[in-house]
Amino acid sequence: MPKRTRTPQDKKSLSISRDCRNTFGENQKAARKAIPLRKALENRRIRRKDDRTLVRGLGEDDAALDLAESSVRSRVHRIGGWKKAADEALGAVIERSLKARGLRVGRKIRARFEYKNER
């Protein structure tokens, strides 16, 4: 079955529906470093908690040690933690930007008109 060729308009509409943009508020280049850093910090925090749990369990009886070991194995400390915020759909980003642009157009004229009416 041959691959269907798409028109540029079809490609554009597919791109707008599928693509996403990072609108978290930081520079998009900074996210390349920030996301792996956050993941690494979260994993280190979990490993440290697991180590502390096992060390505490060593000083006590076998039941406490078994409980500590099972909580480490079942990754109890991994619940919650850092999650990457989802990117926003490109269509929504474009719509919001066009709306903001519409508010900016004619801003000075509207301000002058309102000023004259206040007198």
N, C-alpha and C. Protein backbone atom coordinates (compact mmCIF):
# COMPACT_ATOMS: atom_id res chain seq x y z
N MET A 1 0.85 -1.17 0.00
CA MET A 1 0.00 0.00 0.00
C MET A 1 0.90 1.23 0.00
N PRO A 2 0.81 2.09 -0.99
CA PRO A 2 1.67 3.26 -1.06
C PRO A 2 1.32 4.29 0.01
N LYS A 3 2.34 5.01 0.42
CA LYS A 3 2.15 6.03 1.44
C LYS A 3 1.39 7.21 0.84
N ARG A 4 0.38 7.67 1.56
CA ARG A 4 -0.45 8.76 1.07
C ARG A 4 0.31 10.08 1.20
N THR A 5 0.35 10.85 0.14
CA THR A 5 1.00 12.15 0.21
C THR A 5 0.04 13.15 0.82
N ARG A 6 0.55 14.01 1.66
CA ARG A 6 -0.27 15.00 2.34
C ARG A 6 0.01 16.38 1.78
N THR A 7 -1.01 17.17 1.75
CA THR A 7 -0.85 18.54 1.31
C THR A 7 -0.20 19.35 2.43
N PRO A 8 0.40 20.49 2.13
CA PRO A 8 0.98 21.31 3.19
C PRO A 8 -0.04 21.72 4.26
N GLN A 9 -1.29 21.93 3.85
CA GLN A 9 -2.33 22.30 4.81
C GLN A 9 -2.62 21.14 5.77
N ASP A 10 -2.64 19.92 5.24
CA ASP A 10 -2.84 18.74 6.09
C ASP A 10 -1.68 18.58 7.07
N LYS A 11 -0.46 18.78 6.57
CA LYS A 11 0.71 18.67 7.43
C LYS A 11 0.67 19.70 8.55
N LYS A 12 0.25 20.91 8.22
CA LYS A 12 0.18 21.98 9.21
C LYS A 12 -0.85 21.66 10.29
N SER A 13 -2.02 21.20 9.88
CA SER A 13 -3.06 20.88 10.86
C SER A 13 -2.65 19.71 11.74
N LEU A 14 -1.97 18.71 11.18
CA LEU A 14 -1.47 17.60 11.99
C LEU A 14 -0.41 18.08 12.98
N SER A 15 0.46 18.97 12.53
CA SER A 15 1.50 19.51 13.39
C SER A 15 0.90 20.27 14.57
N ILE A 16 -0.11 21.08 14.29
CA ILE A 16 -0.73 21.87 15.36
C ILE A 16 -1.45 20.95 16.35
N SER A 17 -2.05 19.87 15.89
CA SER A 17 -2.78 18.98 16.80
C SER A 17 -1.84 18.08 17.60
N ARG A 18 -0.67 17.73 17.06
CA ARG A 18 0.20 16.77 17.73
C ARG A 18 1.31 17.40 18.56
N ASP A 19 1.85 18.53 18.10
CA ASP A 19 3.03 19.12 18.75
C ASP A 19 2.66 19.78 20.07
N CYS A 20 3.68 19.93 20.92
CA CYS A 20 3.51 20.57 22.21
C CYS A 20 4.61 21.60 22.41
N ARG A 21 4.39 22.50 23.35
CA ARG A 21 5.38 23.52 23.69
C ARG A 21 5.55 23.57 25.20
N ASN A 22 6.78 23.82 25.62
CA ASN A 22 7.09 23.97 27.03
C ASN A 22 6.72 25.40 27.44
N THR A 23 5.68 25.55 28.24
CA THR A 23 5.24 26.87 28.67
C THR A 23 5.39 27.02 30.18
N PHE A 24 6.34 26.29 30.73
CA PHE A 24 6.51 26.29 32.18
C PHE A 24 7.02 27.63 32.70
N GLY A 25 7.70 28.40 31.87
CA GLY A 25 8.17 29.70 32.30
C GLY A 25 9.67 29.81 32.34
N GLU A 26 10.35 28.74 32.04
CA GLU A 26 11.81 28.81 32.00
C GLU A 26 12.26 28.74 30.54
N ASN A 27 13.49 29.09 30.33
CA ASN A 27 14.07 29.03 28.99
C ASN A 27 14.03 27.58 28.50
N GLN A 28 13.69 27.38 27.24
CA GLN A 28 13.57 26.01 26.73
C GLN A 28 14.92 25.29 26.74
N LYS A 29 16.02 26.04 26.60
CA LYS A 29 17.34 25.42 26.65
C LYS A 29 17.68 25.01 28.07
N ALA A 30 17.18 25.76 29.04
CA ALA A 30 17.45 25.43 30.44
C ALA A 30 16.75 24.13 30.84
N ALA A 31 15.61 23.84 30.20
CA ALA A 31 14.88 22.62 30.53
C ALA A 31 15.69 21.38 30.19
N ARG A 32 16.55 21.49 29.17
CA ARG A 32 17.38 20.33 28.81
C ARG A 32 18.29 19.91 29.96
N LYS A 33 18.73 20.90 30.74
CA LYS A 33 19.58 20.58 31.88
C LYS A 33 18.77 20.38 33.15
N ALA A 34 17.67 21.13 33.30
CA ALA A 34 16.90 21.09 34.54
C ALA A 34 16.17 19.77 34.73
N ILE A 35 15.62 19.21 33.67
CA ILE A 35 14.84 17.97 33.82
C ILE A 35 15.74 16.81 34.25
N PRO A 36 16.89 16.56 33.59
CA PRO A 36 17.75 15.49 34.09
C PRO A 36 18.29 15.75 35.49
N LEU A 37 18.53 17.04 35.82
CA LEU A 37 19.02 17.37 37.16
C LEU A 37 17.97 17.04 38.20
N ARG A 38 16.72 17.43 37.96
CA ARG A 38 15.65 17.13 38.92
C ARG A 38 15.47 15.62 39.10
N LYS A 39 15.54 14.88 37.99
CA LYS A 39 15.40 13.43 38.10
C LYS A 39 16.54 12.84 38.92
N ALA A 40 17.77 13.33 38.68
CA ALA A 40 18.92 12.82 39.43
C ALA A 40 18.81 13.16 40.91
N LEU A 41 18.39 14.39 41.21
CA LEU A 41 18.24 14.78 42.62
C LEU A 41 17.18 13.94 43.32
N GLU A 42 16.08 13.69 42.63
CA GLU A 42 15.01 12.89 43.22
C GLU A 42 15.49 11.45 43.47
N ASN A 43 16.23 10.88 42.52
CA ASN A 43 16.75 9.53 42.70
C ASN A 43 17.74 9.47 43.84
N ARG A 44 18.59 10.48 43.96
CA ARG A 44 19.54 10.52 45.09
C ARG A 44 18.80 10.60 46.41
N ARG A 45 17.74 11.42 46.46
CA ARG A 45 16.96 11.56 47.70
C ARG A 45 16.35 10.22 48.09
N ILE A 46 15.85 9.48 47.12
CA ILE A 46 15.23 8.19 47.40
C ILE A 46 16.28 7.18 47.86
N ARG A 47 17.44 7.17 47.21
CA ARG A 47 18.50 6.24 47.62
C ARG A 47 18.96 6.52 49.04
N ARG A 48 19.08 7.81 49.38
CA ARG A 48 19.50 8.17 50.75
C ARG A 48 18.47 7.72 51.78
N LYS A 49 17.18 7.91 51.46
CA LYS A 49 16.13 7.48 52.37
C LYS A 49 16.16 5.96 52.55
N ASP A 50 16.37 5.25 51.45
CA ASP A 50 16.44 3.79 51.52
C ASP A 50 17.63 3.35 52.37
N ASP A 51 18.77 4.00 52.19
CA ASP A 51 19.96 3.66 52.99
C ASP A 51 19.71 3.91 54.47
N ARG A 52 19.08 5.06 54.79
CA ARG A 52 18.79 5.35 56.20
C ARG A 52 17.85 4.31 56.79
N THR A 53 16.85 3.89 55.99
CA THR A 53 15.90 2.88 56.47
C THR A 53 16.61 1.57 56.77
N LEU A 54 17.51 1.16 55.89
CA LEU A 54 18.23 -0.10 56.11
C LEU A 54 19.18 -0.01 57.30
N VAL A 55 19.84 1.13 57.47
CA VAL A 55 20.76 1.28 58.60
C VAL A 55 20.00 1.24 59.91
N ARG A 56 18.83 1.87 59.96
CA ARG A 56 18.02 1.82 61.18
C ARG A 56 17.56 0.39 61.46
N GLY A 57 17.26 -0.35 60.39
CA GLY A 57 16.79 -1.72 60.57
C GLY A 57 17.89 -2.65 61.05
N LEU A 58 19.16 -2.34 60.76
CA LEU A 58 20.26 -3.21 61.18
C LEU A 58 20.42 -3.24 62.69
N GLY A 59 20.14 -2.12 63.35
CA GLY A 59 20.32 -2.05 64.80
C GLY A 59 19.22 -2.74 65.57
N GLU A 60 18.15 -3.12 64.92
CA GLU A 60 17.02 -3.71 65.62
C GLU A 60 16.91 -5.21 65.30
N ASP A 61 15.80 -5.81 65.70
CA ASP A 61 15.63 -7.25 65.51
C ASP A 61 15.36 -7.60 64.05
N ASP A 62 15.24 -8.91 63.79
CA ASP A 62 15.07 -9.40 62.42
C ASP A 62 13.76 -8.94 61.78
N ALA A 63 12.71 -8.81 62.58
CA ALA A 63 11.41 -8.39 62.03
C ALA A 63 11.50 -6.96 61.49
N ALA A 64 12.19 -6.09 62.24
CA ALA A 64 12.34 -4.70 61.79
C ALA A 64 13.21 -4.64 60.55
N LEU A 65 14.25 -5.49 60.52
CA LEU A 65 15.12 -5.53 59.34
C LEU A 65 14.35 -6.02 58.12
N ASP A 66 13.51 -7.04 58.29
CA ASP A 66 12.69 -7.55 57.18
C ASP A 66 11.72 -6.48 56.68
N LEU A 67 11.12 -5.75 57.62
CA LEU A 67 10.19 -4.69 57.25
C LEU A 67 10.90 -3.58 56.47
N ALA A 68 12.11 -3.20 56.93
CA ALA A 68 12.88 -2.16 56.25
C ALA A 68 13.29 -2.63 54.86
N GLU A 69 13.72 -3.87 54.76
CA GLU A 69 14.15 -4.40 53.47
C GLU A 69 12.98 -4.49 52.49
N SER A 70 11.82 -4.92 52.98
CA SER A 70 10.66 -5.02 52.07
C SER A 70 10.18 -3.64 51.62
N SER A 71 10.28 -2.63 52.51
CA SER A 71 9.86 -1.29 52.10
C SER A 71 10.82 -0.71 51.06
N VAL A 72 12.11 -1.07 51.18
CA VAL A 72 13.08 -0.61 50.19
C VAL A 72 12.84 -1.31 48.85
N ARG A 73 12.57 -2.60 48.90
CA ARG A 73 12.36 -3.36 47.67
C ARG A 73 11.06 -2.95 46.97
N SER A 74 10.02 -2.64 47.74
CA SER A 74 8.75 -2.26 47.12
C SER A 74 8.71 -0.77 46.79
N ARG A 75 9.82 -0.09 47.03
CA ARG A 75 9.98 1.33 46.67
C ARG A 75 8.90 2.20 47.28
N VAL A 76 8.72 2.05 48.59
CA VAL A 76 7.73 2.84 49.31
C VAL A 76 8.07 4.33 49.24
N HIS A 77 9.36 4.67 49.28
CA HIS A 77 9.78 6.07 49.29
C HIS A 77 9.62 6.73 47.93
N ARG A 78 9.37 5.96 46.89
CA ARG A 78 9.27 6.52 45.55
C ARG A 78 7.89 7.14 45.29
N ILE A 79 6.94 6.91 46.18
CA ILE A 79 5.59 7.46 46.00
C ILE A 79 5.66 8.98 46.09
N GLY A 80 5.00 9.66 45.17
CA GLY A 80 5.04 11.12 45.15
C GLY A 80 6.30 11.58 44.45
N GLY A 81 6.97 12.55 45.02
CA GLY A 81 8.23 13.00 44.44
C GLY A 81 8.05 13.95 43.28
N TRP A 82 9.12 14.15 42.53
CA TRP A 82 9.12 15.13 41.44
C TRP A 82 8.53 14.53 40.18
N LYS A 83 7.70 15.29 39.52
CA LYS A 83 7.12 14.89 38.24
C LYS A 83 7.31 16.03 37.25
N LYS A 84 7.62 15.69 36.01
CA LYS A 84 7.77 16.70 34.97
C LYS A 84 6.39 17.21 34.60
N ALA A 85 6.25 18.54 34.53
CA ALA A 85 4.97 19.13 34.13
C ALA A 85 4.74 18.86 32.65
N ALA A 86 3.52 18.54 32.31
CA ALA A 86 3.20 18.24 30.92
C ALA A 86 3.31 19.49 30.07
N ASP A 87 3.75 19.32 28.83
CA ASP A 87 3.82 20.44 27.90
C ASP A 87 2.41 20.76 27.42
N GLU A 88 2.25 22.00 26.96
CA GLU A 88 0.95 22.45 26.51
C GLU A 88 0.82 22.24 25.00
N ALA A 89 -0.38 21.92 24.54
CA ALA A 89 -0.62 21.67 23.12
C ALA A 89 -0.32 22.93 22.32
N LEU A 90 0.30 22.75 21.16
CA LEU A 90 0.69 23.87 20.32
C LEU A 90 -0.51 24.70 19.89
N GLY A 91 -1.63 24.06 19.60
CA GLY A 91 -2.83 24.79 19.20
C GLY A 91 -3.29 25.77 20.27
N ALA A 92 -3.24 25.33 21.55
CA ALA A 92 -3.64 26.22 22.65
C ALA A 92 -2.67 27.37 22.82
N VAL A 93 -1.37 27.10 22.63
CA VAL A 93 -0.35 28.16 22.75
C VAL A 93 -0.56 29.20 21.67
N ILE A 94 -0.81 28.76 20.44
CA ILE A 94 -1.01 29.70 19.33
C ILE A 94 -2.28 30.51 19.55
N GLU A 95 -3.34 29.86 20.00
CA GLU A 95 -4.60 30.56 20.24
C GLU A 95 -4.43 31.65 21.30
N ARG A 96 -3.73 31.33 22.38
CA ARG A 96 -3.50 32.31 23.44
C ARG A 96 -2.64 33.47 22.94
N SER A 97 -1.63 33.18 22.14
CA SER A 97 -0.76 34.23 21.63
C SER A 97 -1.51 35.15 20.66
N LEU A 98 -2.39 34.60 19.82
CA LEU A 98 -3.17 35.43 18.91
C LEU A 98 -4.16 36.30 19.68
N LYS A 99 -4.73 35.77 20.74
CA LYS A 99 -5.66 36.54 21.57
C LYS A 99 -4.91 37.71 22.23
N ALA A 100 -3.72 37.44 22.74
CA ALA A 100 -2.93 38.50 23.37
C ALA A 100 -2.52 39.55 22.34
N ARG A 101 -2.19 39.11 21.15
CA ARG A 101 -1.83 40.05 20.08
C ARG A 101 -3.02 40.94 19.75
N GLY A 102 -4.22 40.38 19.72
CA GLY A 102 -5.42 41.17 19.44
C GLY A 102 -5.66 42.22 20.51
N LEU A 103 -5.33 41.91 21.74
CA LEU A 103 -5.49 42.89 22.82
C LEU A 103 -4.46 44.01 22.71
N ARG A 104 -3.29 43.71 22.17
CA ARG A 104 -2.25 44.73 22.05
C ARG A 104 -2.49 45.68 20.89
N VAL A 105 -3.13 45.21 19.83
CA VAL A 105 -3.34 46.03 18.64
C VAL A 105 -4.30 47.16 18.98
N GLY A 106 -3.92 48.39 18.66
CA GLY A 106 -4.77 49.55 18.91
C GLY A 106 -4.80 50.00 20.35
N ARG A 107 -3.88 49.53 21.14
CA ARG A 107 -3.85 49.84 22.57
C ARG A 107 -3.71 51.34 22.82
N LYS A 108 -2.81 52.00 22.07
CA LYS A 108 -2.57 53.43 22.28
C LYS A 108 -3.78 54.26 21.87
N ILE A 109 -4.42 53.88 20.77
CA ILE A 109 -5.60 54.62 20.31
C ILE A 109 -6.73 54.49 21.33
N ARG A 110 -6.93 53.28 21.85
CA ARG A 110 -7.97 53.08 22.86
C ARG A 110 -7.69 53.90 24.10
N ALA A 111 -6.42 53.96 24.51
CA ALA A 111 -6.06 54.72 25.70
C ALA A 111 -6.33 56.21 25.48
N ARG A 112 -6.00 56.74 24.32
CA ARG A 112 -6.26 58.15 24.03
C ARG A 112 -7.75 58.44 24.01
N PHE A 113 -8.53 57.55 23.42
CA PHE A 113 -9.97 57.74 23.35
C PHE A 113 -10.58 57.75 24.75
N GLU A 114 -10.15 56.84 25.60
CA GLU A 114 -10.66 56.78 26.97
C GLU A 114 -10.26 58.02 27.75
N TYR A 115 -9.07 58.54 27.50
CA TYR A 115 -8.59 59.73 28.20
C TYR A 115 -9.42 60.96 27.82
N LYS A 116 -9.77 61.08 26.52
CA LYS A 116 -10.58 62.21 26.07
C LYS A 116 -11.99 62.14 26.64
N ASN A 117 -12.52 60.95 26.77
CA ASN A 117 -13.87 60.80 27.31
C ASN A 117 -13.94 61.07 28.80
N GLU A 118 -12.85 60.93 29.50
CA GLU A 118 -12.85 61.16 30.95
C GLU A 118 -12.89 62.64 31.27
N ARG A 119 -12.41 63.50 30.38
CA ARG A 119 -12.37 64.95 30.65
C ARG A 119 -13.71 65.54 30.75
